[in-house]
Amino acid sequence: MGVQLDGFRSVGVSRLEVIEGPSGRRQRTKAERARIAAESLMPGVKVADVARKHGTTRWEVYDWRKRIRRGDLVVPESVAALPMFAELVVDDTAADAPPGVAGSDLEIVVGDVVIRAGAGADEGQLTRAIRAARAAVS
């Protein structure tokens, strides 16, 4: 059986081998993708360094980060529990605040969303609230 290649009519292939096996593309689980993307979100970390470390491209990491913001990928609790840094803004206008708001000990602003919490706020609840606010802003 002859097979024509590259438009040459006089040359045919008498034998064609099909090699089966791994294609060289790594299939990652959603948890792996989320963990790698979350690692790239840590302060001072470069996406290119994370991608090189895990044998992927930085464009894949950026895509996974976008999927985290949309809620398609969920960051594992072990990674979500790591401390992250946020900008601290001191506002002395508590006297101008509406009634009931002046008693807040903590105020977190994520985009257009303001999260106010008292001194006894649970860390887990605050973490979930911040994640929800980030997802809403994205």
N, C-alpha and C. Protein backbone atom coordinates (compact mmCIF):
# COMPACT_ATOMS: atom_id res chain seq x y z
N MET A 1 0.85 -1.17 0.00
CA MET A 1 0.00 0.00 0.00
C MET A 1 0.89 1.23 0.00
N GLY A 2 0.70 2.13 -0.91
CA GLY A 2 1.50 3.33 -1.00
C GLY A 2 0.77 4.53 -0.43
N VAL A 3 1.50 5.40 0.24
CA VAL A 3 0.93 6.63 0.80
C VAL A 3 1.71 7.79 0.23
N GLN A 4 1.02 8.81 -0.26
CA GLN A 4 1.69 9.96 -0.87
C GLN A 4 2.01 10.99 0.20
N LEU A 5 3.25 11.48 0.25
CA LEU A 5 3.67 12.47 1.23
C LEU A 5 4.23 13.70 0.53
N ASP A 6 4.00 14.87 1.07
CA ASP A 6 4.59 16.13 0.63
C ASP A 6 4.37 16.42 -0.85
N GLY A 7 3.38 15.90 -1.45
CA GLY A 7 3.07 16.24 -2.84
C GLY A 7 3.96 15.58 -3.88
N PHE A 8 4.91 14.75 -3.49
CA PHE A 8 5.75 14.05 -4.46
C PHE A 8 4.98 12.84 -4.98
N ARG A 9 4.78 12.81 -6.27
CA ARG A 9 3.99 11.72 -6.85
C ARG A 9 4.83 10.48 -7.09
N SER A 10 6.11 10.65 -7.29
CA SER A 10 6.93 9.50 -7.62
C SER A 10 7.38 8.71 -6.39
N VAL A 11 7.28 9.32 -5.19
CA VAL A 11 7.74 8.66 -3.97
C VAL A 11 6.54 8.22 -3.15
N GLY A 12 6.52 6.98 -2.79
CA GLY A 12 5.46 6.45 -1.94
C GLY A 12 6.06 5.82 -0.70
N VAL A 13 5.26 5.59 0.27
CA VAL A 13 5.71 4.96 1.50
C VAL A 13 5.16 3.54 1.51
N SER A 14 6.03 2.62 1.67
CA SER A 14 5.59 1.23 1.66
C SER A 14 5.16 0.75 3.03
N ARG A 15 5.60 1.44 4.07
CA ARG A 15 5.27 1.02 5.42
C ARG A 15 5.03 2.26 6.28
N LEU A 16 4.00 2.26 7.08
CA LEU A 16 3.66 3.37 7.96
C LEU A 16 3.48 2.81 9.36
N GLU A 17 4.27 3.29 10.31
CA GLU A 17 4.19 2.82 11.69
C GLU A 17 3.45 3.83 12.54
N VAL A 18 2.56 3.36 13.37
CA VAL A 18 1.86 4.21 14.33
C VAL A 18 2.39 3.85 15.71
N ILE A 19 2.94 4.85 16.38
CA ILE A 19 3.52 4.62 17.71
C ILE A 19 2.50 5.06 18.74
N GLU A 20 2.15 4.16 19.60
CA GLU A 20 1.18 4.46 20.65
C GLU A 20 1.91 4.69 21.96
N GLY A 21 1.25 5.38 22.86
CA GLY A 21 1.83 5.61 24.17
C GLY A 21 1.58 7.04 24.60
N PRO A 22 2.25 7.46 25.67
CA PRO A 22 2.02 8.81 26.18
C PRO A 22 2.40 9.86 25.15
N SER A 23 1.59 10.90 25.09
CA SER A 23 1.83 11.96 24.10
C SER A 23 2.83 12.99 24.59
N GLY A 24 3.26 12.90 25.83
CA GLY A 24 4.18 13.89 26.37
C GLY A 24 3.45 15.01 27.09
N ARG A 25 2.14 15.05 26.98
CA ARG A 25 1.36 16.06 27.66
C ARG A 25 0.96 15.53 29.03
N ARG A 26 1.21 16.32 30.03
CA ARG A 26 0.88 15.91 31.39
C ARG A 26 -0.57 16.28 31.70
N GLN A 27 -1.31 15.33 32.20
CA GLN A 27 -2.69 15.56 32.61
C GLN A 27 -2.69 15.84 34.11
N ARG A 28 -3.10 17.04 34.50
CA ARG A 28 -3.11 17.42 35.91
C ARG A 28 -4.54 17.41 36.44
N THR A 29 -4.67 17.06 37.70
CA THR A 29 -5.99 17.10 38.33
C THR A 29 -6.34 18.55 38.63
N LYS A 30 -7.60 18.79 38.91
CA LYS A 30 -8.03 20.15 39.26
C LYS A 30 -7.34 20.62 40.53
N ALA A 31 -7.14 19.72 41.47
CA ALA A 31 -6.46 20.07 42.73
C ALA A 31 -5.02 20.50 42.46
N GLU A 32 -4.32 19.79 41.56
CA GLU A 32 -2.94 20.17 41.22
C GLU A 32 -2.91 21.54 40.56
N ARG A 33 -3.82 21.76 39.61
CA ARG A 33 -3.86 23.06 38.93
C ARG A 33 -4.12 24.19 39.92
N ALA A 34 -5.07 23.98 40.83
CA ALA A 34 -5.41 25.01 41.81
C ALA A 34 -4.23 25.27 42.74
N ARG A 35 -3.54 24.20 43.16
CA ARG A 35 -2.39 24.36 44.07
C ARG A 35 -1.27 25.15 43.39
N ILE A 36 -0.99 24.84 42.12
CA ILE A 36 0.07 25.54 41.39
C ILE A 36 -0.30 27.00 41.19
N ALA A 37 -1.56 27.25 40.81
CA ALA A 37 -2.01 28.63 40.61
C ALA A 37 -1.96 29.42 41.92
N ALA A 38 -2.37 28.78 43.01
CA ALA A 38 -2.34 29.45 44.32
C ALA A 38 -0.91 29.77 44.73
N GLU A 39 0.01 28.88 44.42
CA GLU A 39 1.42 29.13 44.73
C GLU A 39 1.92 30.36 43.99
N SER A 40 1.43 30.57 42.77
CA SER A 40 1.86 31.73 41.98
C SER A 40 1.26 33.03 42.49
N LEU A 41 0.25 32.94 43.34
CA LEU A 41 -0.40 34.14 43.88
C LEU A 41 0.26 34.65 45.16
N MET A 42 1.20 33.88 45.70
CA MET A 42 1.88 34.29 46.93
C MET A 42 2.70 35.54 46.68
N PRO A 43 2.82 36.43 47.68
CA PRO A 43 3.58 37.66 47.51
C PRO A 43 5.04 37.39 47.15
N GLY A 44 5.55 38.13 46.18
CA GLY A 44 6.95 38.04 45.78
C GLY A 44 7.30 36.87 44.87
N VAL A 45 6.31 36.08 44.48
CA VAL A 45 6.55 34.91 43.64
C VAL A 45 6.30 35.29 42.19
N LYS A 46 7.18 34.84 41.29
CA LYS A 46 7.03 35.09 39.86
C LYS A 46 6.35 33.90 39.20
N VAL A 47 5.38 34.19 38.34
CA VAL A 47 4.63 33.13 37.66
C VAL A 47 5.58 32.26 36.84
N ALA A 48 6.53 32.87 36.16
CA ALA A 48 7.47 32.11 35.33
C ALA A 48 8.27 31.11 36.16
N ASP A 49 8.66 31.50 37.37
CA ASP A 49 9.41 30.59 38.25
C ASP A 49 8.56 29.41 38.69
N VAL A 50 7.30 29.68 39.03
CA VAL A 50 6.39 28.61 39.43
C VAL A 50 6.15 27.65 38.27
N ALA A 51 5.92 28.21 37.08
CA ALA A 51 5.67 27.38 35.89
C ALA A 51 6.87 26.49 35.60
N ARG A 52 8.06 27.05 35.66
CA ARG A 52 9.28 26.27 35.39
C ARG A 52 9.45 25.16 36.43
N LYS A 53 9.17 25.49 37.69
CA LYS A 53 9.32 24.52 38.78
C LYS A 53 8.41 23.30 38.57
N HIS A 54 7.21 23.54 38.04
CA HIS A 54 6.23 22.46 37.90
C HIS A 54 6.14 21.91 36.48
N GLY A 55 7.02 22.35 35.59
CA GLY A 55 7.06 21.81 34.24
C GLY A 55 5.85 22.17 33.40
N THR A 56 5.39 23.40 33.52
CA THR A 56 4.25 23.88 32.73
C THR A 56 4.59 25.24 32.14
N THR A 57 3.68 25.84 31.42
CA THR A 57 3.93 27.17 30.86
C THR A 57 3.28 28.21 31.74
N ARG A 58 3.80 29.41 31.67
CA ARG A 58 3.22 30.48 32.49
C ARG A 58 1.81 30.82 32.01
N TRP A 59 1.52 30.58 30.74
CA TRP A 59 0.18 30.87 30.21
C TRP A 59 -0.85 29.93 30.82
N GLU A 60 -0.45 28.68 31.06
CA GLU A 60 -1.36 27.75 31.73
C GLU A 60 -1.62 28.22 33.16
N VAL A 61 -0.57 28.68 33.84
CA VAL A 61 -0.72 29.16 35.22
C VAL A 61 -1.66 30.37 35.24
N TYR A 62 -1.49 31.30 34.31
CA TYR A 62 -2.38 32.46 34.24
C TYR A 62 -3.82 32.02 34.00
N ASP A 63 -4.02 31.02 33.15
CA ASP A 63 -5.36 30.49 32.88
C ASP A 63 -5.95 29.87 34.14
N TRP A 64 -5.15 29.13 34.88
CA TRP A 64 -5.64 28.50 36.11
C TRP A 64 -5.98 29.56 37.15
N ARG A 65 -5.20 30.64 37.21
CA ARG A 65 -5.51 31.73 38.14
C ARG A 65 -6.85 32.36 37.79
N LYS A 66 -7.10 32.54 36.50
CA LYS A 66 -8.37 33.10 36.05
C LYS A 66 -9.52 32.16 36.45
N ARG A 67 -9.30 30.86 36.32
CA ARG A 67 -10.34 29.88 36.69
C ARG A 67 -10.61 29.91 38.19
N ILE A 68 -9.59 30.16 39.00
CA ILE A 68 -9.80 30.30 40.45
C ILE A 68 -10.69 31.50 40.73
N ARG A 69 -10.41 32.63 40.06
CA ARG A 69 -11.22 33.84 40.27
C ARG A 69 -12.67 33.62 39.85
N ARG A 70 -12.88 32.84 38.79
CA ARG A 70 -14.24 32.57 38.31
C ARG A 70 -14.94 31.52 39.17
N GLY A 71 -14.17 30.76 39.95
CA GLY A 71 -14.75 29.72 40.79
C GLY A 71 -14.74 28.35 40.14
N ASP A 72 -14.11 28.21 38.95
CA ASP A 72 -14.02 26.91 38.29
C ASP A 72 -13.04 25.97 38.99
N LEU A 73 -12.02 26.53 39.61
CA LEU A 73 -11.05 25.76 40.38
C LEU A 73 -11.14 26.21 41.83
N VAL A 74 -11.03 25.28 42.75
CA VAL A 74 -11.12 25.58 44.17
C VAL A 74 -9.76 25.35 44.80
N VAL A 75 -9.28 26.35 45.52
CA VAL A 75 -7.98 26.25 46.19
C VAL A 75 -8.13 25.33 47.39
N PRO A 76 -7.24 24.35 47.53
CA PRO A 76 -7.31 23.44 48.68
C PRO A 76 -7.19 24.21 50.00
N GLU A 77 -7.86 23.72 51.04
CA GLU A 77 -7.84 24.38 52.35
C GLU A 77 -6.43 24.54 52.89
N SER A 78 -5.55 23.57 52.61
CA SER A 78 -4.18 23.65 53.12
C SER A 78 -3.45 24.87 52.55
N VAL A 79 -3.76 25.22 51.30
CA VAL A 79 -3.14 26.38 50.67
C VAL A 79 -3.87 27.65 51.08
N ALA A 80 -5.19 27.57 51.17
CA ALA A 80 -5.98 28.75 51.53
C ALA A 80 -5.69 29.21 52.96
N ALA A 81 -5.24 28.31 53.81
CA ALA A 81 -4.96 28.66 55.20
C ALA A 81 -3.62 29.38 55.37
N LEU A 82 -2.80 29.40 54.32
CA LEU A 82 -1.51 30.09 54.42
C LEU A 82 -1.72 31.58 54.58
N PRO A 83 -0.89 32.25 55.36
CA PRO A 83 -1.07 33.69 55.56
C PRO A 83 -0.79 34.47 54.28
N MET A 84 -1.65 35.41 54.00
CA MET A 84 -1.47 36.30 52.86
C MET A 84 -1.43 37.73 53.42
N PHE A 85 -0.81 38.61 52.72
CA PHE A 85 -0.69 39.98 53.17
C PHE A 85 -1.69 40.86 52.43
N ALA A 86 -2.27 41.78 53.15
CA ALA A 86 -3.21 42.73 52.57
C ALA A 86 -2.77 44.13 52.98
N GLU A 87 -3.14 45.10 52.19
CA GLU A 87 -2.80 46.49 52.48
C GLU A 87 -3.60 46.95 53.70
N LEU A 88 -2.93 47.59 54.64
CA LEU A 88 -3.58 48.11 55.83
C LEU A 88 -3.80 49.60 55.65
N VAL A 89 -5.04 50.03 55.79
CA VAL A 89 -5.38 51.44 55.67
C VAL A 89 -6.03 51.86 56.98
N VAL A 90 -5.48 52.89 57.63
CA VAL A 90 -6.03 53.38 58.88
C VAL A 90 -6.95 54.55 58.57
N ASP A 91 -8.19 54.45 59.02
CA ASP A 91 -9.19 55.48 58.76
C ASP A 91 -9.72 55.97 60.10
N ASP A 92 -9.50 57.25 60.39
CA ASP A 92 -9.93 57.83 61.67
C ASP A 92 -11.29 58.51 61.56
N THR A 93 -12.10 58.16 60.60
CA THR A 93 -13.39 58.82 60.42
C THR A 93 -14.51 58.00 61.04
N ALA A 94 -14.25 57.29 62.14
CA ALA A 94 -15.26 56.46 62.78
C ALA A 94 -16.42 57.31 63.30
N ALA A 95 -16.17 58.56 63.64
CA ALA A 95 -17.23 59.43 64.15
C ALA A 95 -18.24 59.74 63.05
N ASP A 96 -17.80 59.74 61.78
CA ASP A 96 -18.69 60.04 60.66
C ASP A 96 -19.44 58.81 60.16
N ALA A 97 -19.15 57.63 60.72
CA ALA A 97 -19.75 56.38 60.25
C ALA A 97 -21.22 56.31 60.65
N PRO A 98 -22.02 55.62 59.85
CA PRO A 98 -23.44 55.46 60.21
C PRO A 98 -23.60 54.66 61.49
N PRO A 99 -24.75 54.78 62.16
CA PRO A 99 -24.96 54.05 63.41
C PRO A 99 -24.81 52.55 63.22
N GLY A 100 -24.17 51.89 64.17
CA GLY A 100 -23.99 50.45 64.11
C GLY A 100 -22.69 50.04 63.43
N VAL A 101 -22.07 50.93 62.67
CA VAL A 101 -20.83 50.61 61.96
C VAL A 101 -19.63 51.04 62.78
N ALA A 102 -19.79 52.05 63.62
CA ALA A 102 -18.66 52.58 64.37
C ALA A 102 -18.07 51.54 65.32
N GLY A 103 -18.82 50.50 65.69
CA GLY A 103 -18.32 49.49 66.61
C GLY A 103 -17.45 48.43 65.96
N SER A 104 -17.27 48.49 64.64
CA SER A 104 -16.45 47.50 63.95
C SER A 104 -14.99 47.68 64.30
N ASP A 105 -14.32 46.59 64.60
CA ASP A 105 -12.90 46.65 64.93
C ASP A 105 -12.04 46.45 63.69
N LEU A 106 -12.61 45.84 62.64
CA LEU A 106 -11.84 45.49 61.46
C LEU A 106 -12.67 45.79 60.22
N GLU A 107 -12.03 46.40 59.24
CA GLU A 107 -12.70 46.67 57.96
C GLU A 107 -11.78 46.24 56.84
N ILE A 108 -12.27 45.38 55.96
CA ILE A 108 -11.49 44.87 54.83
C ILE A 108 -12.19 45.31 53.56
N VAL A 109 -11.43 45.95 52.65
CA VAL A 109 -11.99 46.42 51.40
C VAL A 109 -11.38 45.59 50.27
N VAL A 110 -12.25 44.94 49.50
CA VAL A 110 -11.83 44.15 48.34
C VAL A 110 -12.60 44.70 47.16
N GLY A 111 -11.94 45.55 46.35
CA GLY A 111 -12.62 46.19 45.23
C GLY A 111 -13.70 47.12 45.77
N ASP A 112 -14.95 46.88 45.37
CA ASP A 112 -16.08 47.69 45.83
C ASP A 112 -16.75 47.10 47.07
N VAL A 113 -16.27 45.97 47.54
CA VAL A 113 -16.90 45.27 48.65
C VAL A 113 -16.18 45.63 49.95
N VAL A 114 -16.96 45.96 50.98
CA VAL A 114 -16.41 46.28 52.30
C VAL A 114 -16.88 45.22 53.28
N ILE A 115 -15.93 44.61 53.98
CA ILE A 115 -16.24 43.59 54.99
C ILE A 115 -15.88 44.18 56.34
N ARG A 116 -16.88 44.27 57.23
CA ARG A 116 -16.66 44.79 58.57
C ARG A 116 -16.84 43.66 59.57
N ALA A 117 -15.95 43.58 60.53
CA ALA A 117 -16.02 42.50 61.52
C ALA A 117 -15.64 43.02 62.89
N GLY A 118 -16.20 42.40 63.90
CA GLY A 118 -15.87 42.76 65.28
C GLY A 118 -14.63 42.03 65.75
N ALA A 119 -14.24 42.30 66.97
CA ALA A 119 -13.01 41.71 67.52
C ALA A 119 -13.11 40.19 67.65
N GLY A 120 -14.32 39.65 67.81
CA GLY A 120 -14.47 38.23 68.00
C GLY A 120 -14.74 37.46 66.71
N ALA A 121 -14.45 38.06 65.55
CA ALA A 121 -14.73 37.41 64.27
C ALA A 121 -13.88 36.15 64.10
N ASP A 122 -14.50 35.11 63.58
CA ASP A 122 -13.82 33.84 63.35
C ASP A 122 -12.94 33.95 62.09
N GLU A 123 -11.72 33.46 62.17
CA GLU A 123 -10.77 33.53 61.06
C GLU A 123 -11.29 32.79 59.82
N GLY A 124 -11.90 31.65 60.03
CA GLY A 124 -12.45 30.89 58.91
C GLY A 124 -13.56 31.63 58.19
N GLN A 125 -14.43 32.28 58.97
CA GLN A 125 -15.51 33.06 58.36
C GLN A 125 -14.96 34.24 57.57
N LEU A 126 -13.95 34.90 58.12
CA LEU A 126 -13.34 36.02 57.41
C LEU A 126 -12.68 35.55 56.11
N THR A 127 -12.01 34.41 56.16
CA THR A 127 -11.36 33.86 54.97
C THR A 127 -12.39 33.58 53.89
N ARG A 128 -13.51 32.95 54.27
CA ARG A 128 -14.57 32.66 53.29
C ARG A 128 -15.19 33.94 52.75
N ALA A 129 -15.37 34.95 53.61
CA ALA A 129 -15.93 36.22 53.16
C ALA A 129 -15.01 36.93 52.17
N ILE A 130 -13.71 36.89 52.43
CA ILE A 130 -12.75 37.52 51.54
C ILE A 130 -12.73 36.80 50.19
N ARG A 131 -12.76 35.46 50.22
CA ARG A 131 -12.80 34.69 48.96
C ARG A 131 -14.04 35.02 48.15
N ALA A 132 -15.18 35.11 48.83
CA ALA A 132 -16.43 35.44 48.15
C ALA A 132 -16.36 36.84 47.55
N ALA A 133 -15.77 37.78 48.29
CA ALA A 133 -15.65 39.15 47.80
C ALA A 133 -14.73 39.20 46.59
N ARG A 134 -13.61 38.46 46.63
CA ARG A 134 -12.70 38.43 45.48
C ARG A 134 -13.39 37.85 44.26
N ALA A 135 -14.18 36.79 44.46
CA ALA A 135 -14.88 36.16 43.34
C ALA A 135 -15.92 37.12 42.76
N ALA A 136 -16.57 37.90 43.60
CA ALA A 136 -17.58 38.84 43.14
C ALA A 136 -16.96 40.00 42.36
N VAL A 137 -15.76 40.42 42.77
CA VAL A 137 -15.09 41.55 42.13
C VAL A 137 -14.51 41.14 40.78
N SER A 138 -14.05 39.89 40.66
CA SER A 138 -13.40 39.43 39.43
C SER A 138 -14.35 39.36 38.26
